[in-house]
PDB file of N, CA and C in Angstrom:
ATOM      1  N   MET A   1      13.933 -35.834  -9.769  1.00  0.00           N
ATOM      2  CA  MET A   1      14.024 -34.395  -9.718  1.00  0.00           C
ATOM      3  C   MET A   1      15.321 -34.044  -8.984  1.00  0.00           C
ATOM      4  N   ASP A   2      16.156 -33.278  -9.630  1.00  0.00           N
ATOM      5  CA  ASP A   2      17.419 -32.910  -8.993  1.00  0.00           C
ATOM      6  C   ASP A   2      17.276 -31.590  -8.229  1.00  0.00           C
ATOM      7  N   PHE A   3      18.353 -31.163  -7.629  1.00  0.00           N
ATOM      8  CA  PHE A   3      18.348 -29.984  -6.760  1.00  0.00           C
ATOM      9  C   PHE A   3      17.966 -28.715  -7.515  1.00  0.00           C
ATOM     10  N   LEU A   4      18.459 -28.512  -8.726  1.00  0.00           N
ATOM     11  CA  LEU A   4      18.154 -27.301  -9.488  1.00  0.00           C
ATOM     12  C   LEU A   4      16.681 -27.234  -9.877  1.00  0.00           C
ATOM     13  N   ASP A   5      16.098 -28.367 -10.207  1.00  0.00           N
ATOM     14  CA  ASP A   5      14.667 -28.393 -10.511  1.00  0.00           C
ATOM     15  C   ASP A   5      13.855 -28.007  -9.286  1.00  0.00           C
ATOM     16  N   LEU A   6      14.231 -28.539  -8.143  1.00  0.00           N
ATOM     17  CA  LEU A   6      13.536 -28.228  -6.900  1.00  0.00           C
ATOM     18  C   LEU A   6      13.700 -26.759  -6.535  1.00  0.00           C
ATOM     19  N   LEU A   7      14.892 -26.226  -6.710  1.00  0.00           N
ATOM     20  CA  LEU A   7      15.145 -24.823  -6.430  1.00  0.00           C
ATOM     21  C   LEU A   7      14.324 -23.924  -7.350  1.00  0.00           C
ATOM     22  N   GLY A   8      14.264 -24.274  -8.625  1.00  0.00           N
ATOM     23  CA  GLY A   8      13.456 -23.506  -9.571  1.00  0.00           C
ATOM     24  C   GLY A   8      11.983 -23.537  -9.220  1.00  0.00           C
ATOM     25  N   LEU A   9      11.497 -24.691  -8.796  1.00  0.00           N
ATOM     26  CA  LEU A   9      10.105 -24.823  -8.404  1.00  0.00           C
ATOM     27  C   LEU A   9       9.799 -23.982  -7.160  1.00  0.00           C
ATOM     28  N   LEU A  10      10.707 -23.980  -6.200  1.00  0.00           N
ATOM     29  CA  LEU A  10      10.520 -23.166  -4.996  1.00  0.00           C
ATOM     30  C   LEU A  10      10.551 -21.671  -5.314  1.00  0.00           C
ATOM     31  N   LEU A  11      11.445 -21.271  -6.206  1.00  0.00           N
ATOM     32  CA  LEU A  11      11.485 -19.858  -6.604  1.00  0.00           C
ATOM     33  C   LEU A  11      10.204 -19.447  -7.330  1.00  0.00           C
ATOM     34  N   LEU A  12       9.699 -20.306  -8.167  1.00  0.00           N
ATOM     35  CA  LEU A  12       8.449 -20.029  -8.875  1.00  0.00           C
ATOM     36  C   LEU A  12       7.275 -19.937  -7.903  1.00  0.00           C
ATOM     37  N   ALA A  13       7.235 -20.831  -6.933  1.00  0.00           N
ATOM     38  CA  ALA A  13       6.173 -20.792  -5.925  1.00  0.00           C
ATOM     39  C   ALA A  13       6.281 -19.524  -5.072  1.00  0.00           C
ATOM     40  N   GLY A  14       7.489 -19.125  -4.724  1.00  0.00           N
ATOM     41  CA  GLY A  14       7.685 -17.892  -3.952  1.00  0.00           C
ATOM     42  C   GLY A  14       7.253 -16.664  -4.728  1.00  0.00           C
ATOM     43  N   ALA A  15       7.557 -16.622  -6.012  1.00  0.00           N
ATOM     44  CA  ALA A  15       7.141 -15.495  -6.846  1.00  0.00           C
ATOM     45  C   ALA A  15       5.618 -15.451  -6.974  1.00  0.00           C
ATOM     46  N   GLY A  16       4.989 -16.614  -7.097  1.00  0.00           N
ATOM     47  CA  GLY A  16       3.521 -16.666  -7.152  1.00  0.00           C
ATOM     48  C   GLY A  16       2.884 -16.186  -5.864  1.00  0.00           C
ATOM     49  N   TRP A  17       3.464 -16.584  -4.731  1.00  0.00           N
ATOM     50  CA  TRP A  17       2.946 -16.122  -3.437  1.00  0.00           C
ATOM     51  C   TRP A  17       3.089 -14.613  -3.315  1.00  0.00           C
ATOM     52  N   LEU A  18       4.245 -14.051  -3.699  1.00  0.00           N
ATOM     53  CA  LEU A  18       4.464 -12.601  -3.617  1.00  0.00           C
ATOM     54  C   LEU A  18       3.478 -11.857  -4.494  1.00  0.00           C
ATOM     55  N   TRP A  19       3.216 -12.362  -5.682  1.00  0.00           N
ATOM     56  CA  TRP A  19       2.267 -11.715  -6.592  1.00  0.00           C
ATOM     57  C   TRP A  19       0.860 -11.727  -5.989  1.00  0.00           C
ATOM     58  N   PHE A  20       0.424 -12.875  -5.485  1.00  0.00           N
ATOM     59  CA  PHE A  20      -0.909 -12.970  -4.892  1.00  0.00           C
ATOM     60  C   PHE A  20      -1.032 -12.093  -3.648  1.00  0.00           C
ATOM     61  N   ASP A  21      -0.022 -12.081  -2.784  1.00  0.00           N
ATOM     62  CA  ASP A  21      -0.025 -11.259  -1.579  1.00  0.00           C
ATOM     63  C   ASP A  21      -0.038  -9.781  -1.939  1.00  0.00           C
ATOM     64  N   SER A  22       0.674  -9.399  -2.985  1.00  0.00           N
ATOM     65  CA  SER A  22       0.707  -8.004  -3.416  1.00  0.00           C
ATOM     66  C   SER A  22      -0.635  -7.553  -3.965  1.00  0.00           C
ATOM     67  N   LEU A  23      -1.351  -8.450  -4.638  1.00  0.00           N
ATOM     68  CA  LEU A  23      -2.686  -8.091  -5.138  1.00  0.00           C
ATOM     69  C   LEU A  23      -3.648  -7.806  -3.991  1.00  0.00           C
ATOM     70  N   SER A  24      -3.640  -8.637  -2.958  1.00  0.00           N
ATOM     71  CA  SER A  24      -4.549  -8.417  -1.834  1.00  0.00           C
ATOM     72  C   SER A  24      -4.140  -7.179  -1.040  1.00  0.00           C
ATOM     73  N   ALA A  25      -2.840  -6.912  -0.908  1.00  0.00           N
ATOM     74  CA  ALA A  25      -2.385  -5.705  -0.209  1.00  0.00           C
ATOM     75  C   ALA A  25      -2.781  -4.454  -1.001  1.00  0.00           C
ATOM     76  N   ARG A  26      -2.683  -4.511  -2.309  1.00  0.00           N
ATOM     77  CA  ARG A  26      -3.065  -3.369  -3.140  1.00  0.00           C
ATOM     78  C   ARG A  26      -4.557  -3.073  -3.010  1.00  0.00           C
ATOM     79  N   GLU A  27      -5.371  -4.113  -2.995  1.00  0.00           N
ATOM     80  CA  GLU A  27      -6.811  -3.907  -2.827  1.00  0.00           C
ATOM     81  C   GLU A  27      -7.127  -3.263  -1.476  1.00  0.00           C
ATOM     82  N   ALA A  28      -6.427  -3.663  -0.432  1.00  0.00           N
ATOM     83  CA  ALA A  28      -6.622  -3.050   0.887  1.00  0.00           C
ATOM     84  C   ALA A  28      -6.182  -1.596   0.868  1.00  0.00           C
ATOM     85  N   ALA A  29      -5.100  -1.284   0.157  1.00  0.00           N
ATOM     86  CA  ALA A  29      -4.625   0.098   0.062  1.00  0.00           C
ATOM     87  C   ALA A  29      -5.608   0.969  -0.718  1.00  0.00           C
ATOM     88  N   VAL A  30      -6.183   0.435  -1.785  1.00  0.00           N
ATOM     89  CA  VAL A  30      -7.197   1.187  -2.549  1.00  0.00           C
ATOM     90  C   VAL A  30      -8.410   1.470  -1.669  1.00  0.00           C
ATOM     91  N   ALA A  31      -8.862   0.473  -0.924  1.00  0.00           N
ATOM     92  CA  ALA A  31     -10.018   0.671  -0.040  1.00  0.00           C
ATOM     93  C   ALA A  31      -9.712   1.705   1.040  1.00  0.00           C
ATOM     94  N   ALA A  32      -8.510   1.679   1.603  1.00  0.00           N
ATOM     95  CA  ALA A  32      -8.135   2.647   2.633  1.00  0.00           C
ATOM     96  C   ALA A  32      -8.045   4.060   2.063  1.00  0.00           C
ATOM     97  N   ALA A  33      -7.465   4.216   0.875  1.00  0.00           N
ATOM     98  CA  ALA A  33      -7.373   5.528   0.240  1.00  0.00           C
ATOM     99  C   ALA A  33      -8.761   6.052  -0.102  1.00  0.00           C
ATOM    100  N   ARG A  34      -9.616   5.181  -0.597  1.00  0.00           N
ATOM    101  CA  ARG A  34     -10.984   5.578  -0.943  1.00  0.00           C
ATOM    102  C   ARG A  34     -11.756   6.026   0.307  1.00  0.00           C
ATOM    103  N   ALA A  35     -11.626   5.275   1.400  1.00  0.00           N
ATOM    104  CA  ALA A  35     -12.327   5.618   2.635  1.00  0.00           C
ATOM    105  C   ALA A  35     -11.799   6.913   3.230  1.00  0.00           C
ATOM    106  N   THR A  36     -10.480   7.106   3.197  1.00  0.00           N
ATOM    107  CA  THR A  36      -9.899   8.333   3.736  1.00  0.00           C
ATOM    108  C   THR A  36     -10.328   9.537   2.915  1.00  0.00           C
ATOM    109  N   CYS A  37     -10.272   9.428   1.605  1.00  0.00           N
ATOM    110  CA  CYS A  37     -10.713  10.533   0.755  1.00  0.00           C
ATOM    111  C   CYS A  37     -12.198  10.829   0.971  1.00  0.00           C
ATOM    112  N   GLY A  38     -12.993   9.805   1.125  1.00  0.00           N
ATOM    113  CA  GLY A  38     -14.420  10.012   1.380  1.00  0.00           C
ATOM    114  C   GLY A  38     -14.679  10.699   2.702  1.00  0.00           C
ATOM    115  N   SER A  39     -13.934  10.342   3.739  1.00  0.00           N
ATOM    116  CA  SER A  39     -14.148  10.954   5.055  1.00  0.00           C
ATOM    117  C   SER A  39     -13.637  12.382   5.118  1.00  0.00           C
ATOM    118  N   GLU A  40     -12.715  12.749   4.233  1.00  0.00           N
ATOM    119  CA  GLU A  40     -12.162  14.111   4.215  1.00  0.00           C
ATOM    120  C   GLU A  40     -12.780  14.964   3.108  1.00  0.00           C
ATOM    121  N   ASP A  41     -13.844  14.492   2.465  1.00  0.00           N
ATOM    122  CA  ASP A  41     -14.501  15.177   1.341  1.00  0.00           C
ATOM    123  C   ASP A  41     -13.535  15.468   0.200  1.00  0.00           C
ATOM    124  N   LEU A  42     -12.743  14.487  -0.152  1.00  0.00           N
ATOM    125  CA  LEU A  42     -11.800  14.581  -1.261  1.00  0.00           C
ATOM    126  C   LEU A  42     -12.182  13.565  -2.325  1.00  0.00           C
ATOM    127  N   MET A  43     -11.675  13.758  -3.541  1.00  0.00           N
ATOM    128  CA  MET A  43     -11.915  12.826  -4.632  1.00  0.00           C
ATOM    129  C   MET A  43     -10.652  12.018  -4.873  1.00  0.00           C
ATOM    130  N   LEU A  44     -10.743  10.710  -4.825  1.00  0.00           N
ATOM    131  CA  LEU A  44      -9.625   9.841  -5.174  1.00  0.00           C
ATOM    132  C   LEU A  44      -9.549   9.792  -6.691  1.00  0.00           C
ATOM    133  N   LEU A  45      -8.483  10.328  -7.238  1.00  0.00           N
ATOM    134  CA  LEU A  45      -8.336  10.399  -8.688  1.00  0.00           C
ATOM    135  C   LEU A  45      -7.837   9.068  -9.234  1.00  0.00           C
ATOM    136  N   ASP A  46      -8.307   8.704 -10.379  1.00  0.00           N
ATOM    137  CA  ASP A  46      -7.956   7.468 -11.078  1.00  0.00           C
ATOM    138  C   ASP A  46      -8.396   6.216 -10.327  1.00  0.00           C
ATOM    139  N   ASP A  47      -8.955   6.364  -9.144  1.00  0.00           N
ATOM    140  CA  ASP A  47      -9.502   5.273  -8.334  1.00  0.00           C
ATOM    141  C   ASP A  47      -8.520   4.114  -8.167  1.00  0.00           C
ATOM    142  N   THR A  48      -7.244   4.450  -7.968  1.00  0.00           N
ATOM    143  CA  THR A  48      -6.233   3.407  -7.825  1.00  0.00           C
ATOM    144  C   THR A  48      -5.036   3.914  -7.033  1.00  0.00           C
ATOM    145  N   VAL A  49      -4.175   2.994  -6.656  1.00  0.00           N
ATOM    146  CA  VAL A  49      -2.902   3.316  -6.010  1.00  0.00           C
ATOM    147  C   VAL A  49      -1.786   2.654  -6.822  1.00  0.00           C
ATOM    148  N   ALA A  50      -0.568   3.160  -6.646  1.00  0.00           N
ATOM    149  CA  ALA A  50       0.587   2.596  -7.350  1.00  0.00           C
ATOM    150  C   ALA A  50       1.697   2.331  -6.337  1.00  0.00           C
ATOM    151  N   ILE A  51       2.378   1.218  -6.484  1.00  0.00           N
ATOM    152  CA  ILE A  51       3.455   0.878  -5.561  1.00  0.00           C
ATOM    153  C   ILE A  51       4.594   1.884  -5.744  1.00  0.00           C
ATOM    154  N   ALA A  52       5.076   2.435  -4.621  1.00  0.00           N
ATOM    155  CA  ALA A  52       6.176   3.384  -4.657  1.00  0.00           C
ATOM    156  C   ALA A  52       7.438   2.789  -4.038  1.00  0.00           C
ATOM    157  N   ARG A  53       7.271   1.938  -3.031  1.00  0.00           N
ATOM    158  CA  ARG A  53       8.418   1.373  -2.333  1.00  0.00           C
ATOM    159  C   ARG A  53       8.042   0.007  -1.775  1.00  0.00           C
ATOM    160  N   LEU A  54       9.004  -0.904  -1.771  1.00  0.00           N
ATOM    161  CA  LEU A  54       8.799  -2.257  -1.258  1.00  0.00           C
ATOM    162  C   LEU A  54      10.085  -2.681  -0.560  1.00  0.00           C
ATOM    163  N   ARG A  55       9.970  -3.046   0.723  1.00  0.00           N
ATOM    164  CA  ARG A  55      11.150  -3.493   1.462  1.00  0.00           C
ATOM    165  C   ARG A  55      10.710  -4.345   2.637  1.00  0.00           C
ATOM    166  N   LEU A  56      11.665  -4.966   3.297  1.00  0.00           N
ATOM    167  CA  LEU A  56      11.385  -5.768   4.479  1.00  0.00           C
ATOM    168  C   LEU A  56      11.518  -4.904   5.722  1.00  0.00           C
ATOM    169  N   ALA A  57      10.645  -5.143   6.701  1.00  0.00           N
ATOM    170  CA  ALA A  57      10.691  -4.421   7.974  1.00  0.00           C
ATOM    171  C   ALA A  57      10.112  -5.333   9.048  1.00  0.00           C
ATOM    172  N   ARG A  58      10.409  -5.014  10.281  1.00  0.00           N
ATOM    173  CA  ARG A  58       9.894  -5.796  11.414  1.00  0.00           C
ATOM    174  C   ARG A  58       8.691  -5.081  12.024  1.00  0.00           C
ATOM    175  N   ASP A  59       7.707  -5.885  12.430  1.00  0.00           N
ATOM    176  CA  ASP A  59       6.541  -5.314  13.103  1.00  0.00           C
ATOM    177  C   ASP A  59       6.835  -5.155  14.595  1.00  0.00           C
ATOM    178  N   GLY A  60       5.838  -4.792  15.373  1.00  0.00           N
ATOM    179  CA  GLY A  60       6.008  -4.571  16.802  1.00  0.00           C
ATOM    180  C   GLY A  60       6.433  -5.807  17.568  1.00  0.00           C
ATOM    181  N   ASP A  61       6.129  -6.987  17.045  1.00  0.00           N
ATOM    182  CA  ASP A  61       6.517  -8.244  17.696  1.00  0.00           C
ATOM    183  C   ASP A  61       7.866  -8.760  17.217  1.00  0.00           C
ATOM    184  N   GLY A  62       8.509  -8.032  16.307  1.00  0.00           N
ATOM    185  CA  GLY A  62       9.803  -8.448  15.798  1.00  0.00           C
ATOM    186  C   GLY A  62       9.739  -9.404  14.621  1.00  0.00           C
ATOM    187  N   VAL A  63       8.553  -9.631  14.089  1.00  0.00           N
ATOM    188  CA  VAL A  63       8.379 -10.539  12.955  1.00  0.00           C
ATOM    189  C   VAL A  63       8.700  -9.786  11.657  1.00  0.00           C
ATOM    190  N   LEU A  64       9.476 -10.402  10.780  1.00  0.00           N
ATOM    191  CA  LEU A  64       9.849  -9.799   9.514  1.00  0.00           C
ATOM    192  C   LEU A  64       8.666  -9.840   8.551  1.00  0.00           C
ATOM    193  N   ARG A  65       8.284  -8.680   8.040  1.00  0.00           N
ATOM    194  CA  ARG A  65       7.147  -8.548   7.121  1.00  0.00           C
ATOM    195  C   ARG A  65       7.555  -7.676   5.940  1.00  0.00           C
ATOM    196  N   ILE A  66       6.693  -7.625   4.932  1.00  0.00           N
ATOM    197  CA  ILE A  66       6.929  -6.767   3.773  1.00  0.00           C
ATOM    198  C   ILE A  66       6.258  -5.420   4.028  1.00  0.00           C
ATOM    199  N   ARG A  67       7.039  -4.340   3.932  1.00  0.00           N
ATOM    200  CA  ARG A  67       6.477  -2.983   4.051  1.00  0.00           C
ATOM    201  C   ARG A  67       6.308  -2.439   2.638  1.00  0.00           C
ATOM    202  N   ARG A  68       5.087  -2.035   2.347  1.00  0.00           N
ATOM    203  CA  ARG A  68       4.761  -1.481   1.031  1.00  0.00           C
ATOM    204  C   ARG A  68       4.274  -0.052   1.211  1.00  0.00           C
ATOM    205  N   VAL A  69       4.729   0.829   0.344  1.00  0.00           N
ATOM    206  CA  VAL A  69       4.232   2.201   0.316  1.00  0.00           C
ATOM    207  C   VAL A  69       3.568   2.398  -1.036  1.00  0.00           C
ATOM    208  N   TYR A  70       2.289   2.728  -1.001  1.00  0.00           N
ATOM    209  CA  TYR A  70       1.513   2.973  -2.213  1.00  0.00           C
ATOM    210  C   TYR A  70       1.226   4.462  -2.319  1.00  0.00           C
ATOM    211  N   GLY A  71       1.396   5.025  -3.501  1.00  0.00           N
ATOM    212  CA  GLY A  71       1.059   6.413  -3.751  1.00  0.00           C
ATOM    213  C   GLY A  71      -0.281   6.512  -4.459  1.00  0.00           C
ATOM    214  N   PHE A  72      -0.966   7.615  -4.221  1.00  0.00           N
ATOM    215  CA  PHE A  72      -2.222   7.884  -4.925  1.00  0.00           C
ATOM    216  C   PHE A  72      -2.372   9.387  -5.078  1.00  0.00           C
ATOM    217  N   GLU A  73      -3.287   9.794  -5.929  1.00  0.00           N
ATOM    218  CA  GLU A  73      -3.552  11.213  -6.131  1.00  0.00           C
ATOM    219  C   GLU A  73      -5.008  11.497  -5.802  1.00  0.00           C
ATOM    220  N   TYR A  74      -5.227  12.681  -5.241  1.00  0.00           N
ATOM    221  CA  TYR A  74      -6.573  13.096  -4.866  1.00  0.00           C
ATOM    222  C   TYR A  74      -6.746  14.573  -5.189  1.00  0.00           C
ATOM    223  N   SER A  75      -7.983  15.016  -5.156  1.00  0.00           N
ATOM    224  CA  SER A  75      -8.294  16.412  -5.438  1.00  0.00           C
ATOM    225  C   SER A  75      -9.344  16.892  -4.458  1.00  0.00           C
ATOM    226  N   ASP A  76      -9.248  18.159  -4.082  1.00  0.00           N
ATOM    227  CA  ASP A  76     -10.276  18.733  -3.213  1.00  0.00           C
ATOM    228  C   ASP A  76     -11.287  19.553  -4.003  1.00  0.00           C
ATOM    229  N   THR A  77     -10.890  20.066  -5.170  1.00  0.00           N
ATOM    230  CA  THR A  77     -11.802  20.875  -5.975  1.00  0.00           C
ATOM    231  C   THR A  77     -12.140  20.239  -7.319  1.00  0.00           C
ATOM    232  N   GLY A  78     -11.377  19.281  -7.741  1.00  0.00           N
ATOM    233  CA  GLY A  78     -11.554  18.687  -9.054  1.00  0.00           C
ATOM    234  C   GLY A  78     -10.666  19.334 -10.100  1.00  0.00           C
ATOM    235  N   ASN A  79     -10.029  20.452  -9.756  1.00  0.00           N
ATOM    236  CA  ASN A  79      -9.163  21.166 -10.690  1.00  0.00           C
ATOM    237  C   ASN A  79      -7.689  21.040 -10.344  1.00  0.00           C
ATOM    238  N   ASP A  80      -7.369  20.305  -9.318  1.00  0.00           N
ATOM    239  CA  ASP A  80      -5.977  20.170  -8.904  1.00  0.00           C
ATOM    240  C   ASP A  80      -5.690  18.723  -8.528  1.00  0.00           C
ATOM    241  N   ARG A  81      -4.410  18.407  -8.408  1.00  0.00           N
ATOM    242  CA  ARG A  81      -3.984  17.058  -8.030  1.00  0.00           C
ATOM    243  C   ARG A  81      -2.994  17.178  -6.881  1.00  0.00           C
ATOM    244  N   HIS A  82      -3.200  16.347  -5.872  1.00  0.00           N
ATOM    245  CA  HIS A  82      -2.298  16.278  -4.728  1.00  0.00           C
ATOM    246  C   HIS A  82      -1.904  14.816  -4.537  1.00  0.00           C
ATOM    247  N   SER A  83      -0.722  14.616  -3.980  1.00  0.00           N
ATOM    248  CA  SER A  83      -0.231  13.259  -3.761  1.00  0.00           C
ATOM    249  C   SER A  83      -0.448  12.832  -2.322  1.00  0.00           C
ATOM    250  N   GLY A  84      -0.798  11.574  -2.141  1.00  0.00           N
ATOM    251  CA  GLY A  84      -0.936  10.971  -0.831  1.00  0.00           C
ATOM    252  C   GLY A  84      -0.288   9.604  -0.853  1.00  0.00           C
ATOM    253  N   SER A  85      -0.226   8.963   0.300  1.00  0.00           N
ATOM    254  CA  SER A  85       0.371   7.627   0.344  1.00  0.00           C
ATOM    255  C   SER A  85      -0.282   6.783   1.423  1.00  0.00           C
ATOM    256  N   VAL A  86      -0.209   5.484   1.223  1.00  0.00           N
ATOM    257  CA  VAL A  86      -0.675   4.489   2.183  1.00  0.00           C
ATOM    258  C   VAL A  86       0.522   3.597   2.491  1.00  0.00           C
ATOM    259  N   VAL A  87       0.860   3.473   3.778  1.00  0.00           N
ATOM    260  CA  VAL A  87       1.973   2.624   4.199  1.00  0.00           C
ATOM    261  C   VAL A  87       1.382   1.381   4.844  1.00  0.00           C
ATOM    262  N   MET A  88       1.790   0.214   4.333  1.00  0.00           N
ATOM    263  CA  MET A  88       1.297  -1.056   4.858  1.00  0.00           C
ATOM    264  C   MET A  88       2.468  -1.895   5.340  1.00  0.00           C
ATOM    265  N   LEU A  89       2.272  -2.577   6.442  1.00  0.00           N
ATOM    266  CA  LEU A  89       3.259  -3.530   6.948  1.00  0.00           C
ATOM    267  C   LEU A  89       2.571  -4.881   6.983  1.00  0.00           C
ATOM    268  N   GLY A  90       2.964  -5.754   6.078  1.00  0.00           N
ATOM    269  CA  GLY A  90       2.252  -7.010   5.910  1.00  0.00           C
ATOM    270  C   GLY A  90       0.884  -6.712   5.315  1.00  0.00           C
ATOM    271  N   SER A  91      -0.164  -7.172   5.961  1.00  0.00           N
ATOM    272  CA  SER A  91      -1.524  -6.889   5.491  1.00  0.00           C
ATOM    273  C   SER A  91      -2.187  -5.788   6.310  1.00  0.00           C
ATOM    274  N   ARG A  92      -1.432  -5.173   7.221  1.00  0.00           N
ATOM    275  CA  ARG A  92      -1.967  -4.147   8.110  1.00  0.00           C
ATOM    276  C   ARG A  92      -1.602  -2.754   7.613  1.00  0.00           C
ATOM    277  N   ILE A  93      -2.575  -1.857   7.599  1.00  0.00           N
ATOM    278  CA  ILE A  93      -2.334  -0.474   7.204  1.00  0.00           C
ATOM    279  C   ILE A  93      -1.754   0.257   8.402  1.00  0.00           C
ATOM    280  N   GLU A  94      -0.594   0.868   8.197  1.00  0.00           N
ATOM    281  CA  GLU A  94       0.054   1.614   9.274  1.00  0.00           C
ATOM    282  C   GLU A  94      -0.326   3.088   9.253  1.00  0.00           C
ATOM    283  N   VAL A  95      -0.126   3.751   8.106  1.00  0.00           N
ATOM    284  CA  VAL A  95      -0.322   5.196   8.025  1.00  0.00           C
ATOM    285  C   VAL A  95      -0.915   5.549   6.670  1.00  0.00           C
ATOM    286  N   ILE A  96      -1.796   6.543   6.680  1.00  0.00           N
ATOM    287  CA  ILE A  96      -2.316   7.120   5.439  1.00  0.00           C
ATOM    288  C   ILE A  96      -1.960   8.600   5.477  1.00  0.00           C
ATOM    289  N   ASN A  97      -1.206   9.068   4.486  1.00  0.00           N
ATOM    290  CA  ASN A  97      -0.759  10.458   4.430  1.00  0.00           C
ATOM    291  C   ASN A  97      -1.516  11.218   3.353  1.00  0.00           C
ATOM    292  N   ILE A  98      -2.125  12.333   3.750  1.00  0.00           N
ATOM    293  CA  ILE A  98      -2.694  13.274   2.793  1.00  0.00           C
ATOM    294  C   ILE A  98      -2.328  14.671   3.266  1.00  0.00           C
ATOM    295  N   ARG A  99      -2.202  15.596   2.337  1.00  0.00           N
ATOM    296  CA  ARG A  99      -1.825  16.963   2.677  1.00  0.00           C
ATOM    297  C   ARG A  99      -2.969  17.900   2.256  1.00  0.00           C
ATOM    298  N   ARG A 100      -3.472  18.629   3.218  1.00  0.00           N
ATOM    299  CA  ARG A 100      -4.539  19.591   2.945  1.00  0.00           C
ATOM    300  C   ARG A 100      -3.947  20.986   2.912  1.00  0.00           C
ATOM    301  N   ARG A 101      -4.695  21.952   2.439  1.00  0.00           N
ATOM    302  CA  ARG A 101      -4.190  23.326   2.370  1.00  0.00           C
ATOM    303  C   ARG A 101      -3.846  23.876   3.744  1.00  0.00           C
ATOM    304  N   GLN A 102      -4.628  23.530   4.762  1.00  0.00           N
ATOM    305  CA  GLN A 102      -4.360  24.036   6.102  1.00  0.00           C
ATOM    306  C   GLN A 102      -3.257  23.265   6.811  1.00  0.00           C
ATOM    307  N   GLY A 103      -2.697  22.251   6.175  1.00  0.00           N
ATOM    308  CA  GLY A 103      -1.607  21.479   6.772  1.00  0.00           C
ATOM    309  C   GLY A 103      -1.804  20.001   6.522  1.00  0.00           C
ATOM    310  N   PRO A 104      -0.813  19.210   6.858  1.00  0.00           N
ATOM    311  CA  PRO A 104      -0.916  17.774   6.591  1.00  0.00           C
ATOM    312  C   PRO A 104      -1.889  17.080   7.532  1.00  0.00           C
ATOM    313  N   VAL A 105      -2.559  16.085   7.005  1.00  0.00           N
ATOM    314  CA  VAL A 105      -3.412  15.218   7.803  1.00  0.00           C
ATOM    315  C   VAL A 105      -2.770  13.842   7.779  1.00  0.00           C
ATOM    316  N   LEU A 106      -2.500  13.324   8.931  1.00  0.00           N
ATOM    317  CA  LEU A 106      -1.835  12.035   9.046  1.00  0.00           C
ATOM    318  C   LEU A 106      -2.740  11.128   9.843  1.00  0.00           C
ATOM    319  N   LYS A 107      -3.214  10.054   9.230  1.00  0.00           N
ATOM    320  CA  LYS A 107      -4.065   9.102   9.923  1.00  0.00           C
ATOM    321  C   LYS A 107      -3.256   7.886  10.267  1.00  0.00           C
ATOM    322  N   VAL A 108      -3.228   7.559  11.538  1.00  0.00           N
ATOM    323  CA  VAL A 108      -2.548   6.353  11.984  1.00  0.00           C
ATOM    324  C   VAL A 108      -3.607   5.330  12.293  1.00  0.00           C
ATOM    325  N   VAL A 109      -3.536   4.181  11.629  1.00  0.00           N
ATOM    326  CA  VAL A 109      -4.530   3.133  11.771  1.00  0.00           C
ATOM    327  C   VAL A 109      -3.919   1.988  12.563  1.00  0.00           C
ATOM    328  N   HIS A 110      -4.601   1.543  13.592  1.00  0.00           N
ATOM    329  CA  HIS A 110      -4.086   0.418  14.383  1.00  0.00           C
ATOM    330  C   HIS A 110      -4.987  -0.764  14.274  1.00  0.00           C
TER     331      HIS A 110
END
């Protein structure tokens, strides 16, 4: 096995890890959006989230992690759509953003 074969294998393994890690992060974001909408008497529309942004960031300990921002839509009456987001750093949920008529609701999860 030469160097290019090894490099290709490592790139393939890295892509597989990123895909698997992204699936578990997405499931955590869906659960967080569902729980937040349930606690605020809102309906999570389409019962899913979509990736909006992906970048590297450092956590509180200085460790480099993947920061993902997922968008979702919710409704308070069933006749309208509002946008919200879930911000994750690694596998930890940092912030859940939803906007209500009386003003924004920002949940910080530690």
